């Protein structure tokens, strides 16, 4: 009886499998060149945007060179036993990096290697993988150890120089650049407004200003393609954000400690940044930038 049941089940399965296979074959889409889906990174930037993207990419490289100069200043300060000078140049260096950080995120693990915080790791500051900007910040502001800071700074200099070469040699595509304008502000909403980025130097206001500047730079390069009404709204949004930050600005584009940010201004910034992010999210559709499908010939 058991054998008969097994034979019956086998026959039923044998009949069903071809039927399922045929049905699946009928439901499967027929792929041809007109409807093929391609990877995001494979989509070429349309010709009309290429000049603007190249110009922006050159600015990113120049910004990374500026970051490198501040790191060189940290090295000199460490060698000369000048803790305060090294600390000030850390803030400037990180502020410079934050102005292009979202673009760096497009290059593999580069940002993870350069800018990971201690709370990314189970062992925190004791983790051997904790390195980069925030390790340097920890050495300078928490430990106040110039010798250790100098060693970490040397590693960071190497990473930034290597990154300059990678950015100069690669081609950014329009979809990623437009998305980055919004991502700069999202990064502020997620970490900077909570004071989580620079936990030892408390220089998050400087980084917030840098992120907003980075977002505005992208828009500046794309202004001629943006509809007039949307362009006006975006420019006004950036002006409102910068006006709040100006209350905390010091000479030489430096800023007060994040602890000085009032709750009222914190809430206004959150509202303004959220509104601006929503405006930026509309840009891909307004510029007819397709992310997943081939551009028409």
C-alpha atoms as a PDB file:
ATOM      1  CA  UNK A   1       0.000   0.000   0.000  1.00  0.00           C
ATOM      2  CA  UNK A   2       2.839   2.387   0.881  1.00  0.00           C
ATOM      3  CA  UNK A   3       4.578   1.633  -2.400  1.00  0.00           C
ATOM      4  CA  UNK A   4       1.372   2.329  -4.378  1.00  0.00           C
ATOM      5  CA  UNK A   5       0.949   5.695  -2.630  1.00  0.00           C
ATOM      6  CA  UNK A   6       4.545   6.609  -3.466  1.00  0.00           C
ATOM      7  CA  UNK A   7       4.045   5.689  -7.139  1.00  0.00           C
ATOM      8  CA  UNK A   8       0.860   7.740  -7.320  1.00  0.00           C
ATOM      9  CA  UNK A   9       2.616  10.786  -5.770  1.00  0.00           C
ATOM     10  CA  UNK A  10       5.522  10.436  -8.191  1.00  0.00           C
ATOM     11  CA  UNK A  11       3.181  10.374 -11.198  1.00  0.00           C
ATOM     12  CA  UNK A  12       1.332  13.494  -9.992  1.00  0.00           C
ATOM     13  CA  UNK A  13       4.599  15.382  -9.465  1.00  0.00           C
ATOM     14  CA  UNK A  14       5.841  14.293 -12.874  1.00  0.00           C
ATOM     15  CA  UNK A  15       2.709  15.735 -14.473  1.00  0.00           C
ATOM     16  CA  UNK A  16       2.807  19.001 -12.504  1.00  0.00           C
ATOM     17  CA  UNK A  17       6.483  19.946 -13.023  1.00  0.00           C
ATOM     18  CA  UNK A  18       6.251  20.404 -16.820  1.00  0.00           C
ATOM     19  CA  UNK A  19       3.040  22.360 -16.369  1.00  0.00           C
ATOM     20  CA  UNK A  20       4.683  24.653 -13.810  1.00  0.00           C
ATOM     21  CA  UNK A  21       7.726  25.066 -16.027  1.00  0.00           C
ATOM     22  CA  UNK A  22       5.577  25.962 -19.042  1.00  0.00           C
ATOM     23  CA  UNK A  23       3.515  28.419 -17.007  1.00  0.00           C
ATOM     24  CA  UNK A  24       6.682  30.020 -15.648  1.00  0.00           C
ATOM     25  CA  UNK A  25       8.065  30.284 -19.162  1.00  0.00           C
ATOM     26  CA  UNK A  26       4.925  32.014 -20.355  1.00  0.00           C
ATOM     27  CA  UNK A  27       5.053  34.527 -17.487  1.00  0.00           C
ATOM     28  CA  UNK A  28       8.761  35.317 -17.907  1.00  0.00           C
ATOM     29  CA  UNK A  29       9.377  38.589 -19.796  1.00  0.00           C
ATOM     30  CA  UNK A  30      11.052  38.516 -23.181  1.00  0.00           C
ATOM     31  CA  UNK A  31      14.149  40.714 -22.896  1.00  0.00           C
ATOM     32  CA  UNK A  32      15.318  42.651 -25.911  1.00  0.00           C
ATOM     33  CA  UNK A  33      17.347  45.816 -26.456  1.00  0.00           C
ATOM     34  CA  UNK A  34      14.323  48.094 -26.188  1.00  0.00           C
ATOM     35  CA  UNK A  35      13.331  47.080 -22.660  1.00  0.00           C
ATOM     36  CA  UNK A  36      16.606  45.805 -21.163  1.00  0.00           C
ATOM     37  CA  UNK A  37      17.328  46.960 -17.647  1.00  0.00           C
ATOM     38  CA  UNK A  38      20.921  48.009 -17.023  1.00  0.00           C
ATOM     39  CA  UNK A  39      22.867  48.600 -13.828  1.00  0.00           C
ATOM     40  CA  UNK A  40      22.808  52.143 -12.442  1.00  0.00           C
ATOM     41  CA  UNK A  41      26.562  52.532 -12.827  1.00  0.00           C
ATOM     42  CA  UNK A  42      26.382  51.580 -16.497  1.00  0.00           C
ATOM     43  CA  UNK A  43      24.058  54.406 -17.497  1.00  0.00           C
ATOM     44  CA  UNK A  44      26.011  57.113 -19.321  1.00  0.00           C
ATOM     45  CA  UNK A  45      25.483  60.758 -18.451  1.00  0.00           C
ATOM     46  CA  UNK A  46      23.666  62.528 -21.313  1.00  0.00           C
ATOM     47  CA  UNK A  47      25.880  64.907 -23.276  1.00  0.00           C
ATOM     48  CA  UNK A  48      24.115  68.068 -22.092  1.00  0.00           C
ATOM     49  CA  UNK A  49      25.133  67.379 -18.467  1.00  0.00           C
ATOM     50  CA  UNK A  50      28.698  66.227 -19.053  1.00  0.00           C
ATOM     51  CA  UNK A  51      30.422  69.619 -18.898  1.00  0.00           C
ATOM     52  CA  UNK A  52      28.688  70.532 -15.621  1.00  0.00           C
ATOM     53  CA  UNK A  53      29.572  67.175 -14.073  1.00  0.00           C
ATOM     54  CA  UNK A  54      33.219  67.414 -15.154  1.00  0.00           C
ATOM     55  CA  UNK A  55      33.504  70.907 -13.670  1.00  0.00           C
ATOM     56  CA  UNK A  56      31.984  69.730 -10.406  1.00  0.00           C
ATOM     57  CA  UNK A  57      34.294  66.719 -10.306  1.00  0.00           C
ATOM     58  CA  UNK A  58      37.312  69.021 -10.630  1.00  0.00           C
ATOM     59  CA  UNK A  59      36.008  71.002  -7.633  1.00  0.00           C
ATOM     60  CA  UNK A  60      35.800  67.793  -5.603  1.00  0.00           C
ATOM     61  CA  UNK A  61      39.462  67.047  -6.356  1.00  0.00           C
ATOM     62  CA  UNK A  62      40.462  70.598  -5.372  1.00  0.00           C
ATOM     63  CA  UNK A  63      38.493  70.257  -2.127  1.00  0.00           C
ATOM     64  CA  UNK A  64      40.342  67.053  -1.281  1.00  0.00           C
ATOM     65  CA  UNK A  65      43.620  68.851  -1.930  1.00  0.00           C
ATOM     66  CA  UNK A  66      42.504  71.514   0.543  1.00  0.00           C
ATOM     67  CA  UNK A  67      41.784  68.738   3.052  1.00  0.00           C
ATOM     68  CA  UNK A  68      45.292  67.424   2.483  1.00  0.00           C
ATOM     69  CA  UNK A  69      46.782  70.858   3.212  1.00  0.00           C
ATOM     70  CA  UNK A  70      45.062  70.960   6.597  1.00  0.00           C
ATOM     71  CA  UNK A  71      46.384  67.478   7.345  1.00  0.00           C
ATOM     72  CA  UNK A  72      49.870  68.714   6.472  1.00  0.00           C
ATOM     73  CA  UNK A  73      49.359  71.531   8.977  1.00  0.00           C
ATOM     74  CA  UNK A  74      48.371  68.974  11.631  1.00  0.00           C
ATOM     75  CA  UNK A  75      51.591  67.068  10.955  1.00  0.00           C
ATOM     76  CA  UNK A  76      53.687  70.212  11.462  1.00  0.00           C
ATOM     77  CA  UNK A  77      51.809  71.101  14.661  1.00  0.00           C
ATOM     78  CA  UNK A  78      52.321  67.604  16.071  1.00  0.00           C
ATOM     79  CA  UNK A  79      56.034  67.723  15.312  1.00  0.00           C
ATOM     80  CA  UNK A  80      56.323  71.098  17.078  1.00  0.00           C
ATOM     81  CA  UNK A  81      54.274  70.088  20.125  1.00  0.00           C
ATOM     82  CA  UNK A  82      51.433  72.528  19.300  1.00  0.00           C
ATOM     83  CA  UNK A  83      48.286  70.765  20.513  1.00  0.00           C
ATOM     84  CA  UNK A  84      45.892  73.683  20.035  1.00  0.00           C
ATOM     85  CA  UNK A  85      47.122  74.266  16.469  1.00  0.00           C
ATOM     86  CA  UNK A  86      46.684  70.588  15.672  1.00  0.00           C
ATOM     87  CA  UNK A  87      43.146  70.631  17.122  1.00  0.00           C
ATOM     88  CA  UNK A  88      42.132  73.696  15.117  1.00  0.00           C
ATOM     89  CA  UNK A  89      43.435  72.176  11.914  1.00  0.00           C
ATOM     90  CA  UNK A  90      41.608  68.934  12.626  1.00  0.00           C
ATOM     91  CA  UNK A  91      38.331  70.874  12.639  1.00  0.00           C
ATOM     92  CA  UNK A  92      39.265  72.613   9.389  1.00  0.00           C
ATOM     93  CA  UNK A  93      40.390  69.361   7.762  1.00  0.00           C
ATOM     94  CA  UNK A  94      37.218  67.504   8.674  1.00  0.00           C
ATOM     95  CA  UNK A  95      35.058  70.437   7.640  1.00  0.00           C
ATOM     96  CA  UNK A  96      36.819  70.443   4.261  1.00  0.00           C
ATOM     97  CA  UNK A  97      36.262  66.694   3.865  1.00  0.00           C
ATOM     98  CA  UNK A  98      32.578  66.930   4.818  1.00  0.00           C
ATOM     99  CA  UNK A  99      32.025  69.324   1.923  1.00  0.00           C
ATOM    100  CA  UNK A 100      32.551  66.413  -0.498  1.00  0.00           C
ATOM    101  CA  UNK A 101      31.934  63.421   1.763  1.00  0.00           C
ATOM    102  CA  UNK A 102      28.792  62.157   0.034  1.00  0.00           C
ATOM    103  CA  UNK A 103      30.698  61.973  -3.256  1.00  0.00           C
ATOM    104  CA  UNK A 104      33.447  60.002  -1.490  1.00  0.00           C
ATOM    105  CA  UNK A 105      30.784  57.474  -0.483  1.00  0.00           C
ATOM    106  CA  UNK A 106      30.476  56.588  -4.178  1.00  0.00           C
ATOM    107  CA  UNK A 107      34.017  55.188  -4.163  1.00  0.00           C
ATOM    108  CA  UNK A 108      33.740  51.786  -2.502  1.00  0.00           C
ATOM    109  CA  UNK A 109      34.801  51.690   1.148  1.00  0.00           C
ATOM    110  CA  UNK A 110      36.723  54.965   0.999  1.00  0.00           C
ATOM    111  CA  UNK A 111      34.510  56.885   3.428  1.00  0.00           C
ATOM    112  CA  UNK A 112      34.317  53.923   5.795  1.00  0.00           C
ATOM    113  CA  UNK A 113      38.112  53.790   5.930  1.00  0.00           C
ATOM    114  CA  UNK A 114      38.484  57.554   6.312  1.00  0.00           C
ATOM    115  CA  UNK A 115      35.601  58.581   8.532  1.00  0.00           C
ATOM    116  CA  UNK A 116      34.317  55.706  10.718  1.00  0.00           C
ATOM    117  CA  UNK A 117      33.342  56.644  14.271  1.00  0.00           C
ATOM    118  CA  UNK A 118      34.232  54.570  17.327  1.00  0.00           C
ATOM    119  CA  UNK A 119      30.596  53.571  17.837  1.00  0.00           C
ATOM    120  CA  UNK A 120      30.721  51.694  14.513  1.00  0.00           C
ATOM    121  CA  UNK A 121      32.778  48.997  16.285  1.00  0.00           C
ATOM    122  CA  UNK A 122      31.953  46.587  19.100  1.00  0.00           C
ATOM    123  CA  UNK A 123      35.169  47.442  20.953  1.00  0.00           C
ATOM    124  CA  UNK A 124      34.757  51.175  20.384  1.00  0.00           C
ATOM    125  CA  UNK A 125      37.978  53.151  20.617  1.00  0.00           C
ATOM    126  CA  UNK A 126      39.899  49.964  21.487  1.00  0.00           C
ATOM    127  CA  UNK A 127      39.034  48.306  18.198  1.00  0.00           C
ATOM    128  CA  UNK A 128      42.119  47.970  15.944  1.00  0.00           C
ATOM    129  CA  UNK A 129      39.976  48.907  12.920  1.00  0.00           C
ATOM    130  CA  UNK A 130      39.053  52.279  14.413  1.00  0.00           C
ATOM    131  CA  UNK A 131      41.077  54.686  12.269  1.00  0.00           C
ATOM    132  CA  UNK A 132      40.806  57.809  10.135  1.00  0.00           C
ATOM    133  CA  UNK A 133      39.453  61.228  10.997  1.00  0.00           C
ATOM    134  CA  UNK A 134      37.657  60.279  14.188  1.00  0.00           C
ATOM    135  CA  UNK A 135      40.602  58.277  15.480  1.00  0.00           C
ATOM    136  CA  UNK A 136      42.686  61.406  14.924  1.00  0.00           C
ATOM    137  CA  UNK A 137      40.013  63.454  16.683  1.00  0.00           C
ATOM    138  CA  UNK A 138      40.101  61.043  19.629  1.00  0.00           C
ATOM    139  CA  UNK A 139      43.906  61.270  19.853  1.00  0.00           C
ATOM    140  CA  UNK A 140      43.888  65.080  19.728  1.00  0.00           C
ATOM    141  CA  UNK A 141      40.875  66.006  21.858  1.00  0.00           C
ATOM    142  CA  UNK A 142      40.432  63.073  24.263  1.00  0.00           C
ATOM    143  CA  UNK A 143      43.917  61.643  24.748  1.00  0.00           C
ATOM    144  CA  UNK A 144      45.771  64.813  23.731  1.00  0.00           C
ATOM    145  CA  UNK A 145      48.550  62.536  22.523  1.00  0.00           C
ATOM    146  CA  UNK A 146      50.475  64.308  19.750  1.00  0.00           C
ATOM    147  CA  UNK A 147      52.730  61.354  18.989  1.00  0.00           C
ATOM    148  CA  UNK A 148      49.805  58.998  18.452  1.00  0.00           C
ATOM    149  CA  UNK A 149      47.956  61.701  16.519  1.00  0.00           C
ATOM    150  CA  UNK A 150      50.919  62.180  14.197  1.00  0.00           C
ATOM    151  CA  UNK A 151      50.973  58.463  13.337  1.00  0.00           C
ATOM    152  CA  UNK A 152      47.231  58.425  12.592  1.00  0.00           C
ATOM    153  CA  UNK A 153      47.495  61.638  10.607  1.00  0.00           C
ATOM    154  CA  UNK A 154      50.133  60.052   8.364  1.00  0.00           C
ATOM    155  CA  UNK A 155      47.775  57.185   7.532  1.00  0.00           C
ATOM    156  CA  UNK A 156      44.984  59.643   6.829  1.00  0.00           C
ATOM    157  CA  UNK A 157      47.191  61.707   4.515  1.00  0.00           C
ATOM    158  CA  UNK A 158      47.880  58.593   2.456  1.00  0.00           C
ATOM    159  CA  UNK A 159      44.148  57.820   2.194  1.00  0.00           C
ATOM    160  CA  UNK A 160      43.271  61.368   1.072  1.00  0.00           C
ATOM    161  CA  UNK A 161      46.042  61.475  -1.559  1.00  0.00           C
ATOM    162  CA  UNK A 162      44.914  58.111  -2.917  1.00  0.00           C
ATOM    163  CA  UNK A 163      41.304  59.325  -2.967  1.00  0.00           C
ATOM    164  CA  UNK A 164      42.250  62.387  -5.014  1.00  0.00           C
ATOM    165  CA  UNK A 165      43.664  60.132  -7.715  1.00  0.00           C
ATOM    166  CA  UNK A 166      40.609  57.908  -7.736  1.00  0.00           C
ATOM    167  CA  UNK A 167      38.158  60.793  -8.030  1.00  0.00           C
ATOM    168  CA  UNK A 168      40.205  62.436 -10.804  1.00  0.00           C
ATOM    169  CA  UNK A 169      40.397  59.193 -12.793  1.00  0.00           C
ATOM    170  CA  UNK A 170      36.739  58.136 -12.535  1.00  0.00           C
ATOM    171  CA  UNK A 171      33.590  59.523 -14.168  1.00  0.00           C
ATOM    172  CA  UNK A 172      30.670  60.581 -12.000  1.00  0.00           C
ATOM    173  CA  UNK A 173      27.229  60.080 -13.508  1.00  0.00           C
ATOM    174  CA  UNK A 174      24.429  62.609 -13.324  1.00  0.00           C
ATOM    175  CA  UNK A 175      22.026  60.391 -11.356  1.00  0.00           C
ATOM    176  CA  UNK A 176      24.525  59.881  -8.522  1.00  0.00           C
ATOM    177  CA  UNK A 177      25.479  63.553  -8.386  1.00  0.00           C
ATOM    178  CA  UNK A 178      21.860  64.748  -8.207  1.00  0.00           C
ATOM    179  CA  UNK A 179      21.103  62.173  -5.499  1.00  0.00           C
ATOM    180  CA  UNK A 180      24.166  63.374  -3.571  1.00  0.00           C
ATOM    181  CA  UNK A 181      22.717  66.885  -3.268  1.00  0.00           C
ATOM    182  CA  UNK A 182      19.860  65.435  -1.228  1.00  0.00           C
ATOM    183  CA  UNK A 183      22.085  62.955   0.638  1.00  0.00           C
ATOM    184  CA  UNK A 184      24.247  65.781   2.021  1.00  0.00           C
ATOM    185  CA  UNK A 185      21.226  67.145   3.865  1.00  0.00           C
ATOM    186  CA  UNK A 186      19.957  63.700   4.895  1.00  0.00           C
ATOM    187  CA  UNK A 187      23.324  63.119   6.565  1.00  0.00           C
ATOM    188  CA  UNK A 188      22.807  66.242   8.672  1.00  0.00           C
ATOM    189  CA  UNK A 189      19.330  65.141   9.729  1.00  0.00           C
ATOM    190  CA  UNK A 190      20.534  61.647  10.672  1.00  0.00           C
ATOM    191  CA  UNK A 191      23.716  62.431  12.636  1.00  0.00           C
ATOM    192  CA  UNK A 192      24.915  66.042  12.694  1.00  0.00           C
ATOM    193  CA  UNK A 193      21.829  67.572  14.324  1.00  0.00           C
ATOM    194  CA  UNK A 194      22.179  65.008  17.100  1.00  0.00           C
ATOM    195  CA  UNK A 195      25.800  66.032  17.687  1.00  0.00           C
ATOM    196  CA  UNK A 196      26.986  62.498  16.882  1.00  0.00           C
ATOM    197  CA  UNK A 197      29.650  63.202  14.272  1.00  0.00           C
ATOM    198  CA  UNK A 198      32.467  64.877  16.205  1.00  0.00           C
ATOM    199  CA  UNK A 199      32.007  63.503  19.706  1.00  0.00           C
ATOM    200  CA  UNK A 200      35.356  64.763  21.051  1.00  0.00           C
ATOM    201  CA  UNK A 201      35.787  68.136  19.300  1.00  0.00           C
ATOM    202  CA  UNK A 202      32.034  68.980  19.205  1.00  0.00           C
ATOM    203  CA  UNK A 203      32.535  70.715  15.852  1.00  0.00           C
ATOM    204  CA  UNK A 204      29.325  69.491  14.238  1.00  0.00           C
ATOM    205  CA  UNK A 205      28.133  72.990  13.340  1.00  0.00           C
ATOM    206  CA  UNK A 206      31.201  73.412  11.110  1.00  0.00           C
ATOM    207  CA  UNK A 207      30.370  70.104   9.436  1.00  0.00           C
ATOM    208  CA  UNK A 208      26.708  71.035   9.003  1.00  0.00           C
ATOM    209  CA  UNK A 209      27.776  74.189   7.190  1.00  0.00           C
ATOM    210  CA  UNK A 210      30.136  72.108   5.031  1.00  0.00           C
ATOM    211  CA  UNK A 211      27.393  69.614   4.115  1.00  0.00           C
ATOM    212  CA  UNK A 212      24.967  72.373   3.136  1.00  0.00           C
ATOM    213  CA  UNK A 213      27.720  74.035   1.097  1.00  0.00           C
ATOM    214  CA  UNK A 214      28.426  70.713  -0.651  1.00  0.00           C
ATOM    215  CA  UNK A 215      24.765  70.325  -1.563  1.00  0.00           C
ATOM    216  CA  UNK A 216      24.516  73.922  -2.792  1.00  0.00           C
ATOM    217  CA  UNK A 217      27.636  73.476  -4.934  1.00  0.00           C
ATOM    218  CA  UNK A 218      25.997  70.671  -6.877  1.00  0.00           C
ATOM    219  CA  UNK A 219      22.925  72.808  -7.472  1.00  0.00           C
ATOM    220  CA  UNK A 220      25.098  75.692  -8.636  1.00  0.00           C
ATOM    221  CA  UNK A 221      26.587  73.523 -11.374  1.00  0.00           C
ATOM    222  CA  UNK A 222      23.147  72.316 -12.475  1.00  0.00           C
ATOM    223  CA  UNK A 223      21.269  75.628 -12.205  1.00  0.00           C
ATOM    224  CA  UNK A 224      20.884  76.153 -15.938  1.00  0.00           C
ATOM    225  CA  UNK A 225      18.959  72.853 -16.212  1.00  0.00           C
ATOM    226  CA  UNK A 226      16.583  73.425 -13.288  1.00  0.00           C
ATOM    227  CA  UNK A 227      13.155  75.028 -13.948  1.00  0.00           C
ATOM    228  CA  UNK A 228      13.112  78.684 -12.835  1.00  0.00           C
ATOM    229  CA  UNK A 229      10.463  78.271 -10.138  1.00  0.00           C
ATOM    230  CA  UNK A 230      12.221  75.276  -8.573  1.00  0.00           C
ATOM    231  CA  UNK A 231      15.605  77.015  -8.835  1.00  0.00           C
ATOM    232  CA  UNK A 232      14.232  80.021  -6.967  1.00  0.00           C
ATOM    233  CA  UNK A 233      12.787  77.815  -4.209  1.00  0.00           C
ATOM    234  CA  UNK A 234      16.051  75.891  -3.823  1.00  0.00           C
ATOM    235  CA  UNK A 235      18.185  79.029  -3.627  1.00  0.00           C
ATOM    236  CA  UNK A 236      15.827  80.514  -1.037  1.00  0.00           C
ATOM    237  CA  UNK A 237      15.983  77.293   0.985  1.00  0.00           C
ATOM    238  CA  UNK A 238      19.788  77.360   1.103  1.00  0.00           C
ATOM    239  CA  UNK A 239      19.744  81.039   2.102  1.00  0.00           C
ATOM    240  CA  UNK A 240      17.416  80.306   5.019  1.00  0.00           C
ATOM    241  CA  UNK A 241      19.642  77.495   6.299  1.00  0.00           C
ATOM    242  CA  UNK A 242      22.828  79.553   5.993  1.00  0.00           C
ATOM    243  CA  UNK A 243      21.130  82.453   7.807  1.00  0.00           C
ATOM    244  CA  UNK A 244      20.562  80.263  10.898  1.00  0.00           C
ATOM    245  CA  UNK A 245      24.121  78.916  10.829  1.00  0.00           C
ATOM    246  CA  UNK A 246      25.521  82.431  10.511  1.00  0.00           C
ATOM    247  CA  UNK A 247      24.441  83.108  14.106  1.00  0.00           C
ATOM    248  CA  UNK A 248      27.150  80.665  15.213  1.00  0.00           C
ATOM    249  CA  UNK A 249      29.869  81.566  12.741  1.00  0.00           C
ATOM    250  CA  UNK A 250      33.304  82.720  13.901  1.00  0.00           C
ATOM    251  CA  UNK A 251      36.131  84.356  11.910  1.00  0.00           C
ATOM    252  CA  UNK A 252      37.826  82.302   9.159  1.00  0.00           C
ATOM    253  CA  UNK A 253      34.698  80.217   8.493  1.00  0.00           C
ATOM    254  CA  UNK A 254      34.901  78.500  11.879  1.00  0.00           C
ATOM    255  CA  UNK A 255      31.942  77.837  14.171  1.00  0.00           C
ATOM    256  CA  UNK A 256      31.022  77.682  17.827  1.00  0.00           C
ATOM    257  CA  UNK A 257      30.749  74.367  19.651  1.00  0.00           C
ATOM    258  CA  UNK A 258      27.643  72.326  18.865  1.00  0.00           C
ATOM    259  CA  UNK A 259      26.604  72.725  22.503  1.00  0.00           C
ATOM    260  CA  UNK A 260      25.903  76.409  21.790  1.00  0.00           C
ATOM    261  CA  UNK A 261      23.130  75.587  19.300  1.00  0.00           C
ATOM    262  CA  UNK A 262      19.833  76.659  20.861  1.00  0.00           C
ATOM    263  CA  UNK A 263      16.854  74.307  20.840  1.00  0.00           C
ATOM    264  CA  UNK A 264      14.879  76.867  18.836  1.00  0.00           C
ATOM    265  CA  UNK A 265      17.512  77.071  16.101  1.00  0.00           C
ATOM    266  CA  UNK A 266      17.925  73.293  16.186  1.00  0.00           C
ATOM    267  CA  UNK A 267      14.223  72.841  15.475  1.00  0.00           C
ATOM    268  CA  UNK A 268      14.219  75.513  12.751  1.00  0.00           C
ATOM    269  CA  UNK A 269      17.206  73.865  11.075  1.00  0.00           C
ATOM    270  CA  UNK A 270      15.492  70.475  11.179  1.00  0.00           C
ATOM    271  CA  UNK A 271      12.413  71.926   9.515  1.00  0.00           C
ATOM    272  CA  UNK A 272      14.349  73.848   6.855  1.00  0.00           C
ATOM    273  CA  UNK A 273      16.601  70.901   6.029  1.00  0.00           C
ATOM    274  CA  UNK A 274      13.634  68.524   5.759  1.00  0.00           C
ATOM    275  CA  UNK A 275      11.842  70.890   3.376  1.00  0.00           C
ATOM    276  CA  UNK A 276      14.955  71.403   1.260  1.00  0.00           C
ATOM    277  CA  UNK A 277      15.574  67.658   1.078  1.00  0.00           C
ATOM    278  CA  UNK A 278      12.028  67.155  -0.224  1.00  0.00           C
ATOM    279  CA  UNK A 279      12.621  69.786  -2.924  1.00  0.00           C
ATOM    280  CA  UNK A 280      15.859  68.118  -3.981  1.00  0.00           C
ATOM    281  CA  UNK A 281      14.151  64.725  -4.163  1.00  0.00           C
ATOM    282  CA  UNK A 282      12.028  66.033  -7.028  1.00  0.00           C
ATOM    283  CA  UNK A 283      14.989  66.976  -9.185  1.00  0.00           C
ATOM    284  CA  UNK A 284      15.596  63.654 -10.925  1.00  0.00           C
ATOM    285  CA  UNK A 285      12.077  63.691 -12.320  1.00  0.00           C
ATOM    286  CA  UNK A 286      12.263  67.377 -13.255  1.00  0.00           C
ATOM    287  CA  UNK A 287      15.575  66.874 -15.067  1.00  0.00           C
ATOM    288  CA  UNK A 288      14.294  63.670 -16.706  1.00  0.00           C
ATOM    289  CA  UNK A 289      17.170  61.670 -15.238  1.00  0.00           C
ATOM    290  CA  UNK A 290      16.474  57.969 -15.578  1.00  0.00           C
ATOM    291  CA  UNK A 291      18.165  55.789 -13.027  1.00  0.00           C
ATOM    292  CA  UNK A 292      17.423  52.195 -14.042  1.00  0.00           C
ATOM    293  CA  UNK A 293      16.504  52.223 -17.720  1.00  0.00           C
ATOM    294  CA  UNK A 294      18.495  53.036 -20.811  1.00  0.00           C
ATOM    295  CA  UNK A 295      18.312  56.615 -22.049  1.00  0.00           C
ATOM    296  CA  UNK A 296      16.473  56.841 -25.383  1.00  0.00           C
ATOM    297  CA  UNK A 297      18.670  57.401 -28.414  1.00  0.00           C
END
